[in-house]
Amino acid sequence: NRQGFVEVETPVLIKSTPEGARDFVVPSRMNQGEFYALPQSPQTFK
């Protein structure tokens, strides 16, 4: 905070990507047959 950084929350339900470790996936009731992934990191959002 003293260095001028801003704390920003990023989403927990995101898109699965093929690189890196295996994702934890969450099925979507409203979009059946499609899945969210839990973030391995907020890389793209930051």
ModelCIF file with pLDDT and N, C-alpha, C, O atoms, coordinates in Angstrom:
data_MODEL
#
_entry.id   MODEL 
#
_entity.id                         1 
_entity.type                       polymer 
_entity.pdbx_number_of_molecules   1 
#
_entity_poly.entity_id                      1 
_entity_poly.type                           'polypeptide(L)' 
_entity_poly.nstd_linkage                   no 
_entity_poly.nstd_monomer                   no 
_entity_poly.pdbx_seq_one_letter_code       NRQGFVEVETPVLIKSTPEGARDFVVPSRMNQGEFYALPQSPQTFK 
_entity_poly.pdbx_seq_one_letter_code_can   NRQGFVEVETPVLIKSTPEGARDFVVPSRMNQGEFYALPQSPQTFK 
_entity_poly.pdbx_strand_id                 A 
#
loop_
_entity_poly_seq.entity_id 
_entity_poly_seq.num 
_entity_poly_seq.mon_id 
_entity_poly_seq.hetero 
1 1  ASN n 
1 2  ARG n 
1 3  GLN n 
1 4  GLY n 
1 5  PHE n 
1 6  VAL n 
1 7  GLU n 
1 8  VAL n 
1 9  GLU n 
1 10 THR n 
1 11 PRO n 
1 12 VAL n 
1 13 LEU n 
1 14 ILE n 
1 15 LYS n 
1 16 SER n 
1 17 THR n 
1 18 PRO n 
1 19 GLU n 
1 20 GLY n 
1 21 ALA n 
1 22 ARG n 
1 23 ASP n 
1 24 PHE n 
1 25 VAL n 
1 26 VAL n 
1 27 PRO n 
1 28 SER n 
1 29 ARG n 
1 30 MET n 
1 31 ASN n 
1 32 GLN n 
1 33 GLY n 
1 34 GLU n 
1 35 PHE n 
1 36 TYR n 
1 37 ALA n 
1 38 LEU n 
1 39 PRO n 
1 40 GLN n 
1 41 SER n 
1 42 PRO n 
1 43 GLN n 
1 44 THR n 
1 45 PHE n 
1 46 LYS n 
#
_struct_asym.id          A 
_struct_asym.entity_id   1 
#
loop_
_ma_qa_metric.id 
_ma_qa_metric.mode 
_ma_qa_metric.name 
_ma_qa_metric.software_group_id 
_ma_qa_metric.type 
1 global pLDDT . pLDDT 
2 local  pLDDT . pLDDT 
#
_ma_qa_metric_global.metric_id      1 
_ma_qa_metric_global.metric_value   91.83 
_ma_qa_metric_global.model_id       1 
_ma_qa_metric_global.ordinal_id     1 
#
loop_
_ma_qa_metric_local.label_asym_id 
_ma_qa_metric_local.label_comp_id 
_ma_qa_metric_local.label_seq_id 
_ma_qa_metric_local.metric_id 
_ma_qa_metric_local.metric_value 
_ma_qa_metric_local.model_id 
_ma_qa_metric_local.ordinal_id 
A ASN 1  2 98.00 1 1  
A ARG 2  2 98.00 1 2  
A GLN 3  2 98.00 1 3  
A GLY 4  2 98.00 1 4  
A PHE 5  2 98.00 1 5  
A VAL 6  2 98.00 1 6  
A GLU 7  2 98.00 1 7  
A VAL 8  2 98.00 1 8  
A GLU 9  2 98.00 1 9  
A THR 10 2 97.00 1 10 
A PRO 11 2 97.00 1 11 
A VAL 12 2 97.00 1 12 
A LEU 13 2 96.00 1 13 
A ILE 14 2 94.00 1 14 
A LYS 15 2 90.00 1 15 
A SER 16 2 88.00 1 16 
A THR 17 2 75.00 1 17 
A PRO 18 2 64.00 1 18 
A GLU 19 2 60.00 1 19 
A GLY 20 2 67.00 1 20 
A ALA 21 2 79.00 1 21 
A ARG 22 2 89.00 1 22 
A ASP 23 2 93.00 1 23 
A PHE 24 2 94.00 1 24 
A VAL 25 2 95.00 1 25 
A VAL 26 2 95.00 1 26 
A PRO 27 2 95.00 1 27 
A SER 28 2 95.00 1 28 
A ARG 29 2 94.00 1 29 
A MET 30 2 94.00 1 30 
A ASN 31 2 95.00 1 31 
A GLN 32 2 91.00 1 32 
A GLY 33 2 91.00 1 33 
A GLU 34 2 94.00 1 34 
A PHE 35 2 95.00 1 35 
A TYR 36 2 96.00 1 36 
A ALA 37 2 95.00 1 37 
A LEU 38 2 96.00 1 38 
A PRO 39 2 95.00 1 39 
A GLN 40 2 93.00 1 40 
A SER 41 2 92.00 1 41 
A PRO 42 2 93.00 1 42 
A GLN 43 2 90.00 1 43 
A THR 44 2 89.00 1 44 
A PHE 45 2 94.00 1 45 
A LYS 46 2 95.00 1 46 
#
loop_
_atom_site.group_PDB 
_atom_site.id 
_atom_site.type_symbol 
_atom_site.label_atom_id 
_atom_site.label_alt_id 
_atom_site.label_comp_id 
_atom_site.label_asym_id 
_atom_site.label_entity_id 
_atom_site.label_seq_id 
_atom_site.pdbx_PDB_ins_code 
_atom_site.Cartn_x 
_atom_site.Cartn_y 
_atom_site.Cartn_z 
_atom_site.occupancy 
_atom_site.B_iso_or_equiv 
_atom_site.pdbx_formal_charge 
_atom_site.auth_seq_id 
_atom_site.auth_comp_id 
_atom_site.auth_asym_id 
_atom_site.auth_atom_id 
_atom_site.pdbx_PDB_model_num 
ATOM 1   N N  . ASN A 1 1  ? 0.830   -1.207  0.000   1.00 98.00 ? 1  ASN A N  1 
ATOM 2   C CA . ASN A 1 1  ? 0.000   0.000   0.000   1.00 98.00 ? 1  ASN A CA 1 
ATOM 3   C C  . ASN A 1 1  ? 0.864   1.256   0.000   1.00 98.00 ? 1  ASN A C  1 
ATOM 4   O O  . ASN A 1 1  ? 0.560   2.233   -0.684  1.00 98.00 ? 1  ASN A O  1 
ATOM 5   N N  . ARG A 1 2  ? 1.949   1.216   0.780   1.00 98.00 ? 2  ARG A N  1 
ATOM 6   C CA . ARG A 1 2  ? 2.843   2.387   0.831   1.00 98.00 ? 2  ARG A CA 1 
ATOM 7   C C  . ARG A 1 2  ? 3.589   2.588   -0.480  1.00 98.00 ? 2  ARG A C  1 
ATOM 8   O O  . ARG A 1 2  ? 4.033   3.695   -0.785  1.00 98.00 ? 2  ARG A O  1 
ATOM 9   N N  . GLN A 1 3  ? 3.727   1.507   -1.260  1.00 98.00 ? 3  GLN A N  1 
ATOM 10  C CA . GLN A 1 3  ? 4.404   1.621   -2.556  1.00 98.00 ? 3  GLN A CA 1 
ATOM 11  C C  . GLN A 1 3  ? 3.444   2.018   -3.678  1.00 98.00 ? 3  GLN A C  1 
ATOM 12  O O  . GLN A 1 3  ? 3.838   2.075   -4.843  1.00 98.00 ? 3  GLN A O  1 
ATOM 13  N N  . GLY A 1 4  ? 2.192   2.290   -3.329  1.00 98.00 ? 4  GLY A N  1 
ATOM 14  C CA . GLY A 1 4  ? 1.222   2.746   -4.329  1.00 98.00 ? 4  GLY A CA 1 
ATOM 15  C C  . GLY A 1 4  ? 0.496   1.647   -5.065  1.00 98.00 ? 4  GLY A C  1 
ATOM 16  O O  . GLY A 1 4  ? -0.130  1.905   -6.093  1.00 98.00 ? 4  GLY A O  1 
ATOM 17  N N  . PHE A 1 5  ? 0.566   0.411   -4.559  1.00 98.00 ? 5  PHE A N  1 
ATOM 18  C CA . PHE A 1 5  ? -0.163  -0.689  -5.187  1.00 98.00 ? 5  PHE A CA 1 
ATOM 19  C C  . PHE A 1 5  ? -1.636  -0.630  -4.786  1.00 98.00 ? 5  PHE A C  1 
ATOM 20  O O  . PHE A 1 5  ? -1.979  -0.147  -3.707  1.00 98.00 ? 5  PHE A O  1 
ATOM 21  N N  . VAL A 1 6  ? -2.494  -1.125  -5.668  1.00 98.00 ? 6  VAL A N  1 
ATOM 22  C CA . VAL A 1 6  ? -3.936  -1.161  -5.428  1.00 98.00 ? 6  VAL A CA 1 
ATOM 23  C C  . VAL A 1 6  ? -4.368  -2.616  -5.321  1.00 98.00 ? 6  VAL A C  1 
ATOM 24  O O  . VAL A 1 6  ? -4.052  -3.418  -6.200  1.00 98.00 ? 6  VAL A O  1 
ATOM 25  N N  . GLU A 1 7  ? -5.085  -2.970  -4.260  1.00 98.00 ? 7  GLU A N  1 
ATOM 26  C CA . GLU A 1 7  ? -5.561  -4.343  -4.094  1.00 98.00 ? 7  GLU A CA 1 
ATOM 27  C C  . GLU A 1 7  ? -6.857  -4.515  -4.871  1.00 98.00 ? 7  GLU A C  1 
ATOM 28  O O  . GLU A 1 7  ? -7.848  -3.836  -4.602  1.00 98.00 ? 7  GLU A O  1 
ATOM 29  N N  . VAL A 1 8  ? -6.843  -5.429  -5.837  1.00 98.00 ? 8  VAL A N  1 
ATOM 30  C CA . VAL A 1 8  ? -8.001  -5.679  -6.694  1.00 98.00 ? 8  VAL A CA 1 
ATOM 31  C C  . VAL A 1 8  ? -8.295  -7.181  -6.688  1.00 98.00 ? 8  VAL A C  1 
ATOM 32  O O  . VAL A 1 8  ? -7.398  -7.995  -6.908  1.00 98.00 ? 8  VAL A O  1 
ATOM 33  N N  . GLU A 1 9  ? -9.558  -7.543  -6.436  1.00 98.00 ? 9  GLU A N  1 
ATOM 34  C CA . GLU A 1 9  ? -9.955  -8.947  -6.495  1.00 98.00 ? 9  GLU A CA 1 
ATOM 35  C C  . GLU A 1 9  ? -10.267 -9.353  -7.934  1.00 98.00 ? 9  GLU A C  1 
ATOM 36  O O  . GLU A 1 9  ? -10.845 -8.581  -8.698  1.00 98.00 ? 9  GLU A O  1 
ATOM 37  N N  . THR A 1 10 ? -9.878  -10.573 -8.288  1.00 97.00 ? 10 THR A N  1 
ATOM 38  C CA . THR A 1 10 ? -10.141 -11.094 -9.627  1.00 97.00 ? 10 THR A CA 1 
ATOM 39  C C  . THR A 1 10 ? -11.052 -12.323 -9.523  1.00 97.00 ? 10 THR A C  1 
ATOM 40  O O  . THR A 1 10 ? -11.175 -12.896 -8.441  1.00 97.00 ? 10 THR A O  1 
ATOM 41  N N  . PRO A 1 11 ? -11.695 -12.742 -10.624 1.00 97.00 ? 11 PRO A N  1 
ATOM 42  C CA . PRO A 1 11 ? -12.696 -13.822 -10.554 1.00 97.00 ? 11 PRO A CA 1 
ATOM 43  C C  . PRO A 1 11 ? -12.105 -15.163 -10.133 1.00 97.00 ? 11 PRO A C  1 
ATOM 44  O O  . PRO A 1 11 ? -10.923 -15.442 -10.339 1.00 97.00 ? 11 PRO A O  1 
ATOM 45  N N  . VAL A 1 12 ? -12.964 -15.978 -9.541  1.00 97.00 ? 12 VAL A N  1 
ATOM 46  C CA . VAL A 1 12 ? -12.599 -17.344 -9.160  1.00 97.00 ? 12 VAL A CA 1 
ATOM 47  C C  . VAL A 1 12 ? -13.114 -18.345 -10.196 1.00 97.00 ? 12 VAL A C  1 
ATOM 48  O O  . VAL A 1 12 ? -12.500 -19.395 -10.385 1.00 97.00 ? 12 VAL A O  1 
ATOM 49  N N  . LEU A 1 13 ? -14.206 -18.051 -10.858 1.00 96.00 ? 13 LEU A N  1 
ATOM 50  C CA . LEU A 1 13 ? -14.724 -18.906 -11.927 1.00 96.00 ? 13 LEU A CA 1 
ATOM 51  C C  . LEU A 1 13 ? -14.233 -18.347 -13.259 1.00 96.00 ? 13 LEU A C  1 
ATOM 52  O O  . LEU A 1 13 ? -14.714 -17.311 -13.718 1.00 96.00 ? 13 LEU A O  1 
ATOM 53  N N  . ILE A 1 14 ? -13.262 -19.042 -13.884 1.00 94.00 ? 14 ILE A N  1 
ATOM 54  C CA . ILE A 1 14 ? -12.632 -18.509 -15.092 1.00 94.00 ? 14 ILE A CA 1 
ATOM 55  C C  . ILE A 1 14 ? -12.623 -19.567 -16.188 1.00 94.00 ? 14 ILE A C  1 
ATOM 56  O O  . ILE A 1 14 ? -13.297 -20.592 -16.087 1.00 94.00 ? 14 ILE A O  1 
ATOM 57  N N  . LYS A 1 15 ? -11.849 -19.299 -17.236 1.00 90.00 ? 15 LYS A N  1 
ATOM 58  C CA . LYS A 1 15 ? -11.759 -20.187 -18.404 1.00 90.00 ? 15 LYS A CA 1 
ATOM 59  C C  . LYS A 1 15 ? -10.572 -21.134 -18.238 1.00 90.00 ? 15 LYS A C  1 
ATOM 60  O O  . LYS A 1 15 ? -9.506  -20.727 -17.778 1.00 90.00 ? 15 LYS A O  1 
ATOM 61  N N  . SER A 1 16 ? -10.759 -22.386 -18.611 1.00 88.00 ? 16 SER A N  1 
ATOM 62  C CA . SER A 1 16 ? -9.667  -23.357 -18.552 1.00 88.00 ? 16 SER A CA 1 
ATOM 63  C C  . SER A 1 16 ? -8.682  -23.098 -19.687 1.00 88.00 ? 16 SER A C  1 
ATOM 64  O O  . SER A 1 16 ? -9.077  -22.790 -20.811 1.00 88.00 ? 16 SER A O  1 
ATOM 65  N N  . THR A 1 17 ? -7.388  -23.231 -19.373 1.00 75.00 ? 17 THR A N  1 
ATOM 66  C CA . THR A 1 17 ? -6.346  -23.084 -20.397 1.00 75.00 ? 17 THR A CA 1 
ATOM 67  C C  . THR A 1 17 ? -5.475  -24.335 -20.388 1.00 75.00 ? 17 THR A C  1 
ATOM 68  O O  . THR A 1 17 ? -5.349  -24.988 -19.353 1.00 75.00 ? 17 THR A O  1 
ATOM 69  N N  . PRO A 1 18 ? -4.873  -24.678 -21.527 1.00 64.00 ? 18 PRO A N  1 
ATOM 70  C CA . PRO A 1 18 ? -4.172  -25.955 -21.627 1.00 64.00 ? 18 PRO A CA 1 
ATOM 71  C C  . PRO A 1 18 ? -2.786  -25.963 -21.004 1.00 64.00 ? 18 PRO A C  1 
ATOM 72  O O  . PRO A 1 18 ? -2.267  -27.037 -20.699 1.00 64.00 ? 18 PRO A O  1 
ATOM 73  N N  . GLU A 1 19 ? -2.167  -24.800 -20.803 1.00 60.00 ? 19 GLU A N  1 
ATOM 74  C CA . GLU A 1 19 ? -0.801  -24.768 -20.295 1.00 60.00 ? 19 GLU A CA 1 
ATOM 75  C C  . GLU A 1 19 ? -0.802  -24.935 -18.772 1.00 60.00 ? 19 GLU A C  1 
ATOM 76  O O  . GLU A 1 19 ? -1.800  -24.645 -18.111 1.00 60.00 ? 19 GLU A O  1 
ATOM 77  N N  . GLY A 1 20 ? 0.321   -25.402 -18.223 1.00 67.00 ? 20 GLY A N  1 
ATOM 78  C CA . GLY A 1 20 ? 0.460   -25.496 -16.778 1.00 67.00 ? 20 GLY A CA 1 
ATOM 79  C C  . GLY A 1 20 ? -0.096  -26.794 -16.222 1.00 67.00 ? 20 GLY A C  1 
ATOM 80  O O  . GLY A 1 20 ? -0.214  -27.787 -16.940 1.00 67.00 ? 20 GLY A O  1 
ATOM 81  N N  . ALA A 1 21 ? -0.443  -26.782 -14.919 1.00 79.00 ? 21 ALA A N  1 
ATOM 82  C CA . ALA A 1 21 ? -0.952  -27.967 -14.241 1.00 79.00 ? 21 ALA A CA 1 
ATOM 83  C C  . ALA A 1 21 ? -2.413  -28.215 -14.634 1.00 79.00 ? 21 ALA A C  1 
ATOM 84  O O  . ALA A 1 21 ? -3.024  -27.431 -15.362 1.00 79.00 ? 21 ALA A O  1 
ATOM 85  N N  . ARG A 1 22 ? -2.951  -29.328 -14.129 1.00 89.00 ? 22 ARG A N  1 
ATOM 86  C CA . ARG A 1 22 ? -4.362  -29.637 -14.371 1.00 89.00 ? 22 ARG A CA 1 
ATOM 87  C C  . ARG A 1 22 ? -5.251  -28.653 -13.628 1.00 89.00 ? 22 ARG A C  1 
ATOM 88  O O  . ARG A 1 22 ? -4.958  -28.258 -12.500 1.00 89.00 ? 22 ARG A O  1 
ATOM 89  N N  . ASP A 1 23 ? -6.343  -28.266 -14.279 1.00 93.00 ? 23 ASP A N  1 
ATOM 90  C CA . ASP A 1 23 ? -7.314  -27.367 -13.665 1.00 93.00 ? 23 ASP A CA 1 
ATOM 91  C C  . ASP A 1 23 ? -8.321  -28.144 -12.821 1.00 93.00 ? 23 ASP A C  1 
ATOM 92  O O  . ASP A 1 23 ? -8.648  -29.290 -13.127 1.00 93.00 ? 23 ASP A O  1 
ATOM 93  N N  . PHE A 1 24 ? -8.803  -27.510 -11.764 1.00 94.00 ? 24 PHE A N  1 
ATOM 94  C CA . PHE A 1 24 ? -10.054 -27.929 -11.151 1.00 94.00 ? 24 PHE A CA 1 
ATOM 95  C C  . PHE A 1 24 ? -11.174 -27.295 -11.975 1.00 94.00 ? 24 PHE A C  1 
ATOM 96  O O  . PHE A 1 24 ? -11.130 -26.101 -12.269 1.00 94.00 ? 24 PHE A O  1 
ATOM 97  N N  . VAL A 1 25 ? -12.163 -28.082 -12.344 1.00 95.00 ? 25 VAL A N  1 
ATOM 98  C CA . VAL A 1 25 ? -13.226 -27.564 -13.205 1.00 95.00 ? 25 VAL A CA 1 
ATOM 99  C C  . VAL A 1 25 ? -14.569 -27.584 -12.475 1.00 95.00 ? 25 VAL A C  1 
ATOM 100 O O  . VAL A 1 25 ? -14.812 -28.427 -11.610 1.00 95.00 ? 25 VAL A O  1 
ATOM 101 N N  . VAL A 1 26 ? -15.424 -26.648 -12.839 1.00 95.00 ? 26 VAL A N  1 
ATOM 102 C CA . VAL A 1 26 ? -16.735 -26.482 -12.212 1.00 95.00 ? 26 VAL A CA 1 
ATOM 103 C C  . VAL A 1 26 ? -17.790 -26.473 -13.312 1.00 95.00 ? 26 VAL A C  1 
ATOM 104 O O  . VAL A 1 26 ? -17.749 -25.604 -14.184 1.00 95.00 ? 26 VAL A O  1 
ATOM 105 N N  . PRO A 1 27 ? -18.742 -27.422 -13.298 1.00 95.00 ? 27 PRO A N  1 
ATOM 106 C CA . PRO A 1 27 ? -19.774 -27.437 -14.342 1.00 95.00 ? 27 PRO A CA 1 
ATOM 107 C C  . PRO A 1 27 ? -20.739 -26.264 -14.186 1.00 95.00 ? 27 PRO A C  1 
ATOM 108 O O  . PRO A 1 27 ? -21.048 -25.836 -13.074 1.00 95.00 ? 27 PRO A O  1 
ATOM 109 N N  . SER A 1 28 ? -21.199 -25.765 -15.308 1.00 95.00 ? 28 SER A N  1 
ATOM 110 C CA . SER A 1 28 ? -22.153 -24.653 -15.305 1.00 95.00 ? 28 SER A CA 1 
ATOM 111 C C  . SER A 1 28 ? -23.570 -25.183 -15.507 1.00 95.00 ? 28 SER A C  1 
ATOM 112 O O  . SER A 1 28 ? -23.858 -25.817 -16.523 1.00 95.00 ? 28 SER A O  1 
ATOM 113 N N  . ARG A 1 29 ? -24.454 -24.926 -14.545 1.00 94.00 ? 29 ARG A N  1 
ATOM 114 C CA . ARG A 1 29 ? -25.848 -25.354 -14.670 1.00 94.00 ? 29 ARG A CA 1 
ATOM 115 C C  . ARG A 1 29 ? -26.559 -24.561 -15.766 1.00 94.00 ? 29 ARG A C  1 
ATOM 116 O O  . ARG A 1 29 ? -27.361 -25.112 -16.520 1.00 94.00 ? 29 ARG A O  1 
ATOM 117 N N  . MET A 1 30 ? -26.258 -23.255 -15.848 1.00 94.00 ? 30 MET A N  1 
ATOM 118 C CA . MET A 1 30 ? -26.957 -22.394 -16.807 1.00 94.00 ? 30 MET A CA 1 
ATOM 119 C C  . MET A 1 30 ? -26.430 -22.555 -18.221 1.00 94.00 ? 30 MET A C  1 
ATOM 120 O O  . MET A 1 30 ? -27.103 -22.190 -19.185 1.00 94.00 ? 30 MET A O  1 
ATOM 121 N N  . ASN A 1 31 ? -25.210 -23.110 -18.348 1.00 95.00 ? 31 ASN A N  1 
ATOM 122 C CA . ASN A 1 31 ? -24.608 -23.330 -19.671 1.00 95.00 ? 31 ASN A CA 1 
ATOM 123 C C  . ASN A 1 31 ? -24.155 -24.788 -19.735 1.00 95.00 ? 31 ASN A C  1 
ATOM 124 O O  . ASN A 1 31 ? -22.960 -25.083 -19.698 1.00 95.00 ? 31 ASN A O  1 
ATOM 125 N N  . GLN A 1 32 ? -25.127 -25.692 -19.831 1.00 91.00 ? 32 GLN A N  1 
ATOM 126 C CA . GLN A 1 32 ? -24.822 -27.117 -19.700 1.00 91.00 ? 32 GLN A CA 1 
ATOM 127 C C  . GLN A 1 32 ? -23.868 -27.580 -20.794 1.00 91.00 ? 32 GLN A C  1 
ATOM 128 O O  . GLN A 1 32 ? -23.958 -27.178 -21.954 1.00 91.00 ? 32 GLN A O  1 
ATOM 129 N N  . GLY A 1 33 ? -22.943 -28.449 -20.366 1.00 91.00 ? 33 GLY A N  1 
ATOM 130 C CA . GLY A 1 33 ? -21.913 -28.936 -21.272 1.00 91.00 ? 33 GLY A CA 1 
ATOM 131 C C  . GLY A 1 33 ? -20.682 -28.049 -21.277 1.00 91.00 ? 33 GLY A C  1 
ATOM 132 O O  . GLY A 1 33 ? -19.687 -28.364 -21.930 1.00 91.00 ? 33 GLY A O  1 
ATOM 133 N N  . GLU A 1 34 ? -20.745 -26.934 -20.547 1.00 94.00 ? 34 GLU A N  1 
ATOM 134 C CA . GLU A 1 34 ? -19.599 -26.033 -20.445 1.00 94.00 ? 34 GLU A CA 1 
ATOM 135 C C  . GLU A 1 34 ? -19.143 -25.950 -18.989 1.00 94.00 ? 34 GLU A C  1 
ATOM 136 O O  . GLU A 1 34 ? -19.902 -26.204 -18.054 1.00 94.00 ? 34 GLU A O  1 
ATOM 137 N N  . PHE A 1 35 ? -17.865 -25.584 -18.841 1.00 95.00 ? 35 PHE A N  1 
ATOM 138 C CA . PHE A 1 35 ? -17.252 -25.656 -17.521 1.00 95.00 ? 35 PHE A CA 1 
ATOM 139 C C  . PHE A 1 35 ? -16.437 -24.398 -17.237 1.00 95.00 ? 35 PHE A C  1 
ATOM 140 O O  . PHE A 1 35 ? -15.813 -23.827 -18.131 1.00 95.00 ? 35 PHE A O  1 
ATOM 141 N N  . TYR A 1 36 ? -16.457 -23.986 -15.987 1.00 96.00 ? 36 TYR A N  1 
ATOM 142 C CA . TYR A 1 36 ? -15.497 -23.011 -15.494 1.00 96.00 ? 36 TYR A CA 1 
ATOM 143 C C  . TYR A 1 36 ? -14.246 -23.771 -15.027 1.00 96.00 ? 36 TYR A C  1 
ATOM 144 O O  . TYR A 1 36 ? -14.278 -24.985 -14.823 1.00 96.00 ? 36 TYR A O  1 
ATOM 145 N N  . ALA A 1 37 ? -13.163 -23.035 -14.867 1.00 95.00 ? 37 ALA A N  1 
ATOM 146 C CA . ALA A 1 37 ? -11.985 -23.566 -14.174 1.00 95.00 ? 37 ALA A CA 1 
ATOM 147 C C  . ALA A 1 37 ? -11.699 -22.661 -12.990 1.00 95.00 ? 37 ALA A C  1 
ATOM 148 O O  . ALA A 1 37 ? -11.959 -21.458 -13.034 1.00 95.00 ? 37 ALA A O  1 
ATOM 149 N N  . LEU A 1 38 ? -11.160 -23.254 -11.926 1.00 96.00 ? 38 LEU A N  1 
ATOM 150 C CA . LEU A 1 38 ? -10.671 -22.445 -10.815 1.00 96.00 ? 38 LEU A CA 1 
ATOM 151 C C  . LEU A 1 38 ? -9.266  -21.977 -11.161 1.00 96.00 ? 38 LEU A C  1 
ATOM 152 O O  . LEU A 1 38 ? -8.490  -22.753 -11.719 1.00 96.00 ? 38 LEU A O  1 
ATOM 153 N N  . PRO A 1 39 ? -8.912  -20.735 -10.850 1.00 95.00 ? 39 PRO A N  1 
ATOM 154 C CA . PRO A 1 39 ? -7.644  -20.166 -11.341 1.00 95.00 ? 39 PRO A CA 1 
ATOM 155 C C  . PRO A 1 39 ? -6.414  -20.793 -10.705 1.00 95.00 ? 39 PRO A C  1 
ATOM 156 O O  . PRO A 1 39 ? -6.324  -20.913 -9.483  1.00 95.00 ? 39 PRO A O  1 
ATOM 157 N N  . GLN A 1 40 ? -5.461  -21.195 -11.554 1.00 93.00 ? 40 GLN A N  1 
ATOM 158 C CA . GLN A 1 40 ? -4.154  -21.608 -11.057 1.00 93.00 ? 40 GLN A CA 1 
ATOM 159 C C  . GLN A 1 40 ? -3.355  -20.390 -10.610 1.00 93.00 ? 40 GLN A C  1 
ATOM 160 O O  . GLN A 1 40 ? -2.479  -20.483 -9.751  1.00 93.00 ? 40 GLN A O  1 
ATOM 161 N N  . SER A 1 41 ? -3.670  -19.258 -11.204 1.00 92.00 ? 41 SER A N  1 
ATOM 162 C CA . SER A 1 41 ? -3.168  -17.953 -10.776 1.00 92.00 ? 41 SER A CA 1 
ATOM 163 C C  . SER A 1 41 ? -4.018  -16.920 -11.510 1.00 92.00 ? 41 SER A C  1 
ATOM 164 O O  . SER A 1 41 ? -4.678  -17.249 -12.495 1.00 92.00 ? 41 SER A O  1 
ATOM 165 N N  . PRO A 1 42 ? -4.008  -15.674 -11.038 1.00 93.00 ? 42 PRO A N  1 
ATOM 166 C CA . PRO A 1 42 ? -4.779  -14.642 -11.752 1.00 93.00 ? 42 PRO A CA 1 
ATOM 167 C C  . PRO A 1 42 ? -3.995  -14.040 -12.919 1.00 93.00 ? 42 PRO A C  1 
ATOM 168 O O  . PRO A 1 42 ? -4.159  -12.860 -13.228 1.00 93.00 ? 42 PRO A O  1 
ATOM 169 N N  . GLN A 1 43 ? -3.143  -14.843 -13.571 1.00 90.00 ? 43 GLN A N  1 
ATOM 170 C CA . GLN A 1 43 ? -2.177  -14.332 -14.539 1.00 90.00 ? 43 GLN A CA 1 
ATOM 171 C C  . GLN A 1 43 ? -2.790  -13.410 -15.594 1.00 90.00 ? 43 GLN A C  1 
ATOM 172 O O  . GLN A 1 43 ? -2.358  -12.267 -15.745 1.00 90.00 ? 43 GLN A O  1 
ATOM 173 N N  . THR A 1 44 ? -3.793  -13.902 -16.321 1.00 89.00 ? 44 THR A N  1 
ATOM 174 C CA . THR A 1 44 ? -4.326  -13.076 -17.404 1.00 89.00 ? 44 THR A CA 1 
ATOM 175 C C  . THR A 1 44 ? -5.066  -11.859 -16.871 1.00 89.00 ? 44 THR A C  1 
ATOM 176 O O  . THR A 1 44 ? -5.051  -10.799 -17.498 1.00 89.00 ? 44 THR A O  1 
ATOM 177 N N  . PHE A 1 45 ? -5.710  -12.001 -15.726 1.00 94.00 ? 45 PHE A N  1 
ATOM 178 C CA . PHE A 1 45 ? -6.466  -10.871 -15.180 1.00 94.00 ? 45 PHE A CA 1 
ATOM 179 C C  . PHE A 1 45 ? -5.557  -9.744  -14.718 1.00 94.00 ? 45 PHE A C  1 
ATOM 180 O O  . PHE A 1 45 ? -5.885  -8.569  -14.882 1.00 94.00 ? 45 PHE A O  1 
ATOM 181 N N  . LYS A 1 46 ? -4.400  -10.102 -14.134 1.00 95.00 ? 46 LYS A N  1 
ATOM 182 C CA . LYS A 1 46 ? -3.520  -9.018  -13.696 1.00 95.00 ? 46 LYS A CA 1 
ATOM 183 C C  . LYS A 1 46 ? -2.915  -8.304  -14.905 1.00 95.00 ? 46 LYS A C  1 
ATOM 184 O O  . LYS A 1 46 ? -2.144  -7.359  -14.742 1.00 95.00 ? 46 LYS A O  1 
#
